[in-house]
Amino acid sequence: MPSPDSSSGASADRSGGLDPAVAGRLKRSTDGLVPAIAQQYDTGEVLMLGWMDDEALHRTLTTGRCTYWSRSRREYWVKGDTSGHVQHVKSVALDCDADTLLVKVDQVGAACHTGDRTCFDAGGLPLGQ
């Protein structure tokens, strides 16, 4: 595993094993990360938002399991390794601005760390106020 870059939190070797053509397209935040939206592939349900650097994206593309960069723990985590709530990757797409990933997955169990199916179950915000 690459050693974390002390200034950014993302891996020091930003490209990792990611295909240079893919890496060259990505527009990253100043800390080298790209937001990754996890969506249930067959229902369209939005499950969660995580962060990926090039190495996390490479691992996601090559293993078929979602790997994220934890900004709080400053380490990689494979969704489901400790909880059993695995995300099996069905497809990965880059948005039109090349600054956000859409990862369509088959979610096993809860996607949210709270145990909810989706991280967006906390309730809607009032509109028109």
Protein backbone atom coordinates (compact mmCIF):
# COMPACT_ATOMS: atom_id res chain seq x y z
CA MET A 1 0.00 0.00 0.00
CA PRO A 2 1.41 3.43 -0.86
CA SER A 3 2.35 5.60 2.07
CA PRO A 4 -0.01 8.52 2.67
CA ASP A 5 1.20 11.94 1.63
CA SER A 6 1.43 13.99 4.80
CA SER A 7 0.28 17.17 3.07
CA SER A 8 -2.79 15.82 1.34
CA GLY A 9 -3.96 12.62 2.95
CA ALA A 10 -4.07 10.86 -0.40
CA SER A 11 -1.36 8.52 -1.56
CA ALA A 12 2.02 10.00 -2.36
CA ASP A 13 2.20 8.00 -5.60
CA ARG A 14 -0.98 9.47 -6.97
CA SER A 15 -1.13 7.45 -10.16
CA GLY A 16 -0.66 4.06 -8.51
CA GLY A 17 -1.39 1.40 -11.09
CA LEU A 18 -4.14 3.40 -12.79
CA ASP A 19 -4.08 3.47 -16.58
CA PRO A 20 -2.30 6.74 -17.52
CA ALA A 21 -5.04 7.55 -20.05
CA VAL A 22 -7.64 7.41 -17.27
CA ALA A 23 -5.42 9.23 -14.77
CA GLY A 24 -4.84 11.99 -17.30
CA ARG A 25 -8.56 12.65 -17.61
CA LEU A 26 -9.31 13.00 -13.88
CA LYS A 27 -9.77 16.42 -12.32
CA ARG A 28 -8.88 16.01 -8.68
CA SER A 29 -9.42 18.22 -5.65
CA THR A 30 -6.38 19.96 -4.19
CA ASP A 31 -5.84 16.93 -1.96
CA GLY A 32 -5.77 14.56 -4.95
CA LEU A 33 -9.24 13.09 -4.49
CA VAL A 34 -12.31 12.60 -6.67
CA PRO A 35 -15.81 12.16 -5.22
CA ALA A 36 -17.31 8.76 -6.03
CA ILE A 37 -21.07 8.31 -5.90
CA ALA A 38 -22.16 4.71 -5.26
CA GLN A 39 -25.49 3.86 -6.89
CA GLN A 40 -27.42 0.57 -6.86
CA TYR A 41 -27.05 -0.66 -10.43
CA ASP A 42 -30.55 -2.09 -10.96
CA THR A 43 -32.76 0.38 -9.06
CA GLY A 44 -30.85 3.64 -9.41
CA GLU A 45 -30.91 4.17 -5.64
CA VAL A 46 -28.13 6.53 -4.53
CA LEU A 47 -26.31 4.77 -1.71
CA MET A 48 -23.36 6.86 -0.56
CA LEU A 49 -20.56 9.23 -1.43
CA GLY A 50 -16.93 8.26 -0.90
CA TRP A 51 -13.58 9.60 -2.04
CA MET A 52 -11.05 7.97 -4.34
CA ASP A 53 -7.53 8.82 -5.35
CA ASP A 54 -5.92 7.16 -8.36
CA GLU A 55 -4.85 4.09 -6.39
CA ALA A 56 -8.34 3.59 -4.91
CA LEU A 57 -9.85 3.88 -8.39
CA HIS A 58 -7.29 1.43 -9.76
CA ARG A 59 -8.14 -1.08 -7.02
CA THR A 60 -11.87 -0.58 -7.63
CA LEU A 61 -11.49 -1.18 -11.38
CA THR A 62 -9.23 -4.23 -11.02
CA THR A 63 -10.78 -6.04 -8.05
CA GLY A 64 -14.48 -5.45 -8.67
CA ARG A 65 -14.88 -4.20 -5.08
CA CYS A 66 -15.18 -0.52 -4.12
CA THR A 67 -12.05 0.86 -2.49
CA TYR A 68 -12.18 4.34 -1.01
CA TRP A 69 -9.73 6.72 0.63
CA SER A 70 -10.81 7.54 4.17
CA ARG A 71 -10.08 11.20 4.80
CA SER A 72 -10.57 10.81 8.56
CA ARG A 73 -8.51 7.61 9.00
CA ARG A 74 -6.06 8.53 6.23
CA GLU A 75 -6.08 5.02 4.79
CA TYR A 76 -7.69 2.91 2.09
CA TRP A 77 -10.77 0.89 2.95
CA VAL A 78 -12.58 -1.72 0.92
CA LYS A 79 -16.30 -1.40 1.46
CA GLY A 80 -17.52 -4.43 3.37
CA ASP A 81 -14.19 -5.82 4.61
CA THR A 82 -15.19 -5.27 8.24
CA SER A 83 -18.99 -4.97 8.01
CA GLY A 84 -19.72 -7.60 5.38
CA HIS A 85 -21.73 -4.97 3.48
CA VAL A 86 -19.89 -5.38 0.21
CA GLN A 87 -20.20 -3.31 -2.95
CA HIS A 88 -19.72 -5.43 -6.08
CA VAL A 89 -18.81 -3.08 -8.93
CA LYS A 90 -20.94 -3.32 -12.08
CA SER A 91 -19.64 -0.20 -13.90
CA VAL A 92 -17.67 3.00 -13.35
CA ALA A 93 -18.27 6.23 -15.27
CA LEU A 94 -16.65 9.63 -15.24
CA ASP A 95 -18.92 12.67 -15.45
CA CYS A 96 -18.74 15.27 -18.23
CA ASP A 97 -16.37 17.51 -16.22
CA ALA A 98 -14.11 14.56 -15.29
CA ASP A 99 -14.35 15.52 -11.62
CA THR A 100 -16.85 12.97 -10.25
CA LEU A 101 -17.16 9.20 -10.54
CA LEU A 102 -20.40 7.24 -10.68
CA VAL A 103 -19.87 3.70 -9.45
CA LYS A 104 -22.80 1.40 -10.10
CA VAL A 105 -22.72 -1.44 -7.61
CA ASP A 106 -24.65 -4.38 -6.30
CA GLN A 107 -24.85 -3.47 -2.61
CA VAL A 108 -24.97 -6.32 -0.09
CA GLY A 109 -26.57 -5.08 3.13
CA ALA A 110 -26.35 -1.51 4.36
CA ALA A 111 -24.30 1.09 2.51
CA CYS A 112 -24.21 3.58 5.39
CA HIS A 113 -21.99 3.23 8.44
CA THR A 114 -25.12 3.83 10.56
CA GLY A 115 -26.61 0.57 9.30
CA ASP A 116 -29.12 2.24 6.96
CA ARG A 117 -29.49 1.02 3.40
CA THR A 118 -28.38 4.42 2.06
CA CYS A 119 -26.57 7.38 3.58
CA PHE A 120 -29.41 9.58 2.33
CA ASP A 121 -32.10 8.19 4.67
CA ALA A 122 -31.70 11.01 7.21
CA GLY A 123 -34.65 12.91 5.75
CA GLY A 124 -35.23 15.59 3.21
CA LEU A 125 -34.60 19.26 3.78
CA PRO A 126 -37.48 21.75 3.52
CA LEU A 127 -37.84 23.49 0.16
CA GLY A 128 -39.08 27.01 -0.48
CA GLN A 129 -37.97 28.56 2.79
